[in-house]
Amino acid sequence: MHEMSLAIDLMELVKRHVPPSACLMTVTVRIGPMHGVVSEALQWAWSAVTSQATWPQAKLIIETPPWRLSCPRCGRLWEPATVDEHCTCGSVHARVEGGDEFALVSVDVADLDASVEDRSRHEAENQVGLGTVV
C-alpha cells in the first residue's frame, strides 16, 4: 500500500514547516485521480503516522480535483467519467488537462504558547500555502 509511504513522506515534509512552538492541527492536500491514491487508505495511514508523531490530533483533508480533458480539434474542455472518453465532436485525441495534481495545499497550526482565545484568532494567520510538493 503506497498510501503509507505517502503519509510518512507527507509528515516529514510538514515537520519542516511547523515551528517548534506550534501544534499541527490540519494538513490539506490536493491529489488528482491519476495518482491512484485511495483516500480512505491515506486517511488510515495518516492516522497511523500521526499516532506515532508529536501531533496525534492532526487531521488530514484530501481535496480530489476531477479529471479534465480538452479536445485539440474543437477546444472543448470537460470532466469525463474516464480518462479515455472521446470528445462529442468525434475526436479521439483528447489531452489530459487536470487530475494529475499532487500538492500540499496548507498546514494549519496553533501556537502552543498562546491562550485558547488567541489560538482561534491566529489559526487563519498561521495557515501556510506551500504549493506543489510531489
C-alpha atoms as a PDB file:
ATOM      1  CA  MET A   1       0.000   0.000   0.000  1.00  0.00           C
ATOM      2  CA  HIS A   2       1.775   3.142  -1.204  1.00  0.00           C
ATOM      3  CA  GLU A   3      -0.508   5.343   0.882  1.00  0.00           C
ATOM      4  CA  MET A   4       1.586   4.546   3.982  1.00  0.00           C
ATOM      5  CA  SER A   5       4.788   5.771   2.339  1.00  0.00           C
ATOM      6  CA  LEU A   6       2.907   8.870   1.145  1.00  0.00           C
ATOM      7  CA  ALA A   7       1.699   9.575   4.692  1.00  0.00           C
ATOM      8  CA  ILE A   8       5.219   9.150   6.090  1.00  0.00           C
ATOM      9  CA  ASP A   9       6.727  11.437   3.433  1.00  0.00           C
ATOM     10  CA  LEU A  10       3.951  13.966   3.940  1.00  0.00           C
ATOM     11  CA  MET A  11       4.605  14.060   7.694  1.00  0.00           C
ATOM     12  CA  GLU A  12       8.333  14.569   7.089  1.00  0.00           C
ATOM     13  CA  LEU A  13       7.567  17.476   4.767  1.00  0.00           C
ATOM     14  CA  VAL A  14       5.083  19.004   7.200  1.00  0.00           C
ATOM     15  CA  LYS A  15       7.564  18.783  10.100  1.00  0.00           C
ATOM     16  CA  ARG A  16       9.887  21.115   8.187  1.00  0.00           C
ATOM     17  CA  HIS A  17       7.181  23.810   8.075  1.00  0.00           C
ATOM     18  CA  VAL A  18       5.815  23.661  11.621  1.00  0.00           C
ATOM     19  CA  PRO A  19       7.567  25.927  14.133  1.00  0.00           C
ATOM     20  CA  PRO A  20       8.774  24.241  17.360  1.00  0.00           C
ATOM     21  CA  SER A  21       6.281  26.188  19.497  1.00  0.00           C
ATOM     22  CA  ALA A  22       3.308  25.188  17.333  1.00  0.00           C
ATOM     23  CA  CYS A  23       0.833  22.346  17.333  1.00  0.00           C
ATOM     24  CA  LEU A  24      -0.129  20.833  13.978  1.00  0.00           C
ATOM     25  CA  MET A  25      -3.907  20.958  13.570  1.00  0.00           C
ATOM     26  CA  THR A  26      -4.737  20.311   9.915  1.00  0.00           C
ATOM     27  CA  VAL A  27      -2.919  19.375   6.721  1.00  0.00           C
ATOM     28  CA  THR A  28      -4.666  19.868   3.395  1.00  0.00           C
ATOM     29  CA  VAL A  29      -3.509  18.057   0.257  1.00  0.00           C
ATOM     30  CA  ARG A  30      -4.828  18.050  -3.302  1.00  0.00           C
ATOM     31  CA  ILE A  31      -4.460  14.693  -5.052  1.00  0.00           C
ATOM     32  CA  GLY A  32      -5.788  14.089  -8.537  1.00  0.00           C
ATOM     33  CA  PRO A  33      -7.292  10.735  -9.537  1.00  0.00           C
ATOM     34  CA  MET A  34      -4.404   9.950 -11.883  1.00  0.00           C
ATOM     35  CA  HIS A  35      -2.213   9.172  -8.842  1.00  0.00           C
ATOM     36  CA  GLY A  36      -4.389   6.239  -7.863  1.00  0.00           C
ATOM     37  CA  VAL A  37      -4.436   7.209  -4.194  1.00  0.00           C
ATOM     38  CA  VAL A  38      -7.293   5.691  -2.209  1.00  0.00           C
ATOM     39  CA  SER A  39      -8.463   8.476   0.123  1.00  0.00           C
ATOM     40  CA  GLU A  40      -9.639   6.100   2.849  1.00  0.00           C
ATOM     41  CA  ALA A  41      -6.293   4.268   2.820  1.00  0.00           C
ATOM     42  CA  LEU A  42      -4.382   7.555   3.015  1.00  0.00           C
ATOM     43  CA  GLN A  43      -6.575   8.692   5.939  1.00  0.00           C
ATOM     44  CA  TRP A  44      -5.851   5.406   7.730  1.00  0.00           C
ATOM     45  CA  ALA A  45      -2.102   5.730   7.039  1.00  0.00           C
ATOM     46  CA  TRP A  46      -2.145   9.360   8.240  1.00  0.00           C
ATOM     47  CA  SER A  47      -3.809   8.265  11.500  1.00  0.00           C
ATOM     48  CA  ALA A  48      -1.127   5.612  11.973  1.00  0.00           C
ATOM     49  CA  VAL A  49       1.685   8.095  11.289  1.00  0.00           C
ATOM     50  CA  THR A  50       0.280  10.860  13.497  1.00  0.00           C
ATOM     51  CA  SER A  51      -0.344   8.463  16.381  1.00  0.00           C
ATOM     52  CA  GLN A  52       3.431   7.899  16.447  1.00  0.00           C
ATOM     53  CA  ALA A  53       4.250  11.591  15.973  1.00  0.00           C
ATOM     54  CA  THR A  54       4.142  14.671  18.139  1.00  0.00           C
ATOM     55  CA  TRP A  55       0.690  15.644  16.846  1.00  0.00           C
ATOM     56  CA  PRO A  56      -1.777  12.744  17.186  1.00  0.00           C
ATOM     57  CA  GLN A  57      -4.735  15.156  16.806  1.00  0.00           C
ATOM     58  CA  ALA A  58      -3.635  16.393  13.355  1.00  0.00           C
ATOM     59  CA  LYS A  59      -6.343  15.991  10.741  1.00  0.00           C
ATOM     60  CA  LEU A  60      -5.780  15.330   7.050  1.00  0.00           C
ATOM     61  CA  ILE A  61      -8.056  16.964   4.491  1.00  0.00           C
ATOM     62  CA  ILE A  62      -7.868  15.482   0.996  1.00  0.00           C
ATOM     63  CA  GLU A  63      -9.139  17.530  -1.939  1.00  0.00           C
ATOM     64  CA  THR A  64      -9.749  15.492  -5.074  1.00  0.00           C
ATOM     65  CA  PRO A  65      -9.976  17.574  -8.247  1.00  0.00           C
ATOM     66  CA  PRO A  66     -11.800  15.989 -11.191  1.00  0.00           C
ATOM     67  CA  TRP A  67     -10.336  14.665 -14.416  1.00  0.00           C
ATOM     68  CA  ARG A  68     -10.320  17.354 -17.093  1.00  0.00           C
ATOM     69  CA  LEU A  69      -9.786  16.747 -20.781  1.00  0.00           C
ATOM     70  CA  SER A  70      -9.505  19.140 -23.700  1.00  0.00           C
ATOM     71  CA  CYS A  71     -10.092  18.497 -27.365  1.00  0.00           C
ATOM     72  CA  PRO A  72      -7.404  19.763 -29.738  1.00  0.00           C
ATOM     73  CA  ARG A  73      -9.906  19.754 -32.618  1.00  0.00           C
ATOM     74  CA  CYS A  74     -12.805  21.794 -31.194  1.00  0.00           C
ATOM     75  CA  GLY A  75     -11.302  23.222 -27.979  1.00  0.00           C
ATOM     76  CA  ARG A  76     -13.919  21.684 -25.695  1.00  0.00           C
ATOM     77  CA  LEU A  77     -12.897  21.294 -22.034  1.00  0.00           C
ATOM     78  CA  TRP A  78     -14.845  18.753 -19.969  1.00  0.00           C
ATOM     79  CA  GLU A  79     -14.813  16.474 -16.930  1.00  0.00           C
ATOM     80  CA  PRO A  80     -15.204  12.912 -18.223  1.00  0.00           C
ATOM     81  CA  ALA A  81     -16.132   9.769 -16.328  1.00  0.00           C
ATOM     82  CA  THR A  82     -12.903   8.116 -17.535  1.00  0.00           C
ATOM     83  CA  VAL A  83      -9.643   9.487 -18.889  1.00  0.00           C
ATOM     84  CA  ASP A  84     -10.120   7.772 -22.272  1.00  0.00           C
ATOM     85  CA  GLU A  85     -13.509   9.340 -23.077  1.00  0.00           C
ATOM     86  CA  HIS A  86     -13.880  10.735 -26.613  1.00  0.00           C
ATOM     87  CA  CYS A  87     -14.994  14.280 -27.359  1.00  0.00           C
ATOM     88  CA  THR A  88     -18.544  14.926 -28.550  1.00  0.00           C
ATOM     89  CA  CYS A  89     -17.089  16.241 -31.843  1.00  0.00           C
ATOM     90  CA  GLY A  90     -15.793  12.724 -32.559  1.00  0.00           C
ATOM     91  CA  SER A  91     -12.120  13.342 -31.840  1.00  0.00           C
ATOM     92  CA  VAL A  92     -10.344  10.513 -30.034  1.00  0.00           C
ATOM     93  CA  HIS A  93      -7.257  12.607 -29.226  1.00  0.00           C
ATOM     94  CA  ALA A  94      -8.287  14.410 -26.048  1.00  0.00           C
ATOM     95  CA  ARG A  95      -5.499  15.769 -23.826  1.00  0.00           C
ATOM     96  CA  VAL A  96      -5.419  15.448 -20.055  1.00  0.00           C
ATOM     97  CA  GLU A  97      -5.662  18.960 -18.576  1.00  0.00           C
ATOM     98  CA  GLY A  98      -6.111  18.064 -14.922  1.00  0.00           C
ATOM     99  CA  GLY A  99      -6.403  15.276 -12.434  1.00  0.00           C
ATOM    100  CA  ASP A 100      -2.662  14.746 -12.082  1.00  0.00           C
ATOM    101  CA  GLU A 101      -2.162  17.187  -9.197  1.00  0.00           C
ATOM    102  CA  PHE A 102      -0.365  16.158  -6.021  1.00  0.00           C
ATOM    103  CA  ALA A 103       0.162  19.169  -3.812  1.00  0.00           C
ATOM    104  CA  LEU A 104       0.488  20.099  -0.185  1.00  0.00           C
ATOM    105  CA  VAL A 105      -2.006  22.954  -0.086  1.00  0.00           C
ATOM    106  CA  SER A 106      -1.778  24.159   3.507  1.00  0.00           C
ATOM    107  CA  VAL A 107      -0.595  23.426   7.007  1.00  0.00           C
ATOM    108  CA  ASP A 108      -2.741  24.814   9.817  1.00  0.00           C
ATOM    109  CA  VAL A 109      -1.075  25.199  13.218  1.00  0.00           C
ATOM    110  CA  ALA A 110      -1.920  26.547  16.663  1.00  0.00           C
ATOM    111  CA  ASP A 111       0.652  28.270  18.835  1.00  0.00           C
ATOM    112  CA  LEU A 112       1.229  26.215  21.997  1.00  0.00           C
ATOM    113  CA  ASP A 113       2.314  29.317  23.873  1.00  0.00           C
ATOM    114  CA  ALA A 114      -0.859  31.234  23.031  1.00  0.00           C
ATOM    115  CA  SER A 115      -4.016  31.170  25.073  1.00  0.00           C
ATOM    116  CA  VAL A 116      -7.049  29.266  23.807  1.00  0.00           C
ATOM    117  CA  GLU A 117      -8.656  32.551  22.705  1.00  0.00           C
ATOM    118  CA  ASP A 118      -5.540  33.539  20.781  1.00  0.00           C
ATOM    119  CA  ARG A 119      -5.379  30.143  19.028  1.00  0.00           C
ATOM    120  CA  SER A 120      -8.712  30.521  17.280  1.00  0.00           C
ATOM    121  CA  ARG A 121      -7.876  34.106  16.307  1.00  0.00           C
ATOM    122  CA  HIS A 122      -4.475  33.142  14.873  1.00  0.00           C
ATOM    123  CA  GLU A 123      -5.490  29.929  13.048  1.00  0.00           C
ATOM    124  CA  ALA A 124      -6.119  31.720   9.765  1.00  0.00           C
ATOM    125  CA  GLU A 125      -2.902  33.728  10.142  1.00  0.00           C
ATOM    126  CA  ASN A 126      -0.878  30.559  10.703  1.00  0.00           C
ATOM    127  CA  GLN A 127      -2.124  28.834   7.566  1.00  0.00           C
ATOM    128  CA  VAL A 128       0.769  28.367   5.154  1.00  0.00           C
ATOM    129  CA  GLY A 129       0.219  27.762   1.430  1.00  0.00           C
ATOM    130  CA  LEU A 130       3.054  25.553   0.233  1.00  0.00           C
ATOM    131  CA  GLY A 131       2.268  24.774  -3.391  1.00  0.00           C
ATOM    132  CA  THR A 132       3.095  21.599  -5.273  1.00  0.00           C
ATOM    133  CA  VAL A 133       5.465  19.300  -3.450  1.00  0.00           C
ATOM    134  CA  VAL A 134       5.385  15.913  -5.143  1.00  0.00           C
END
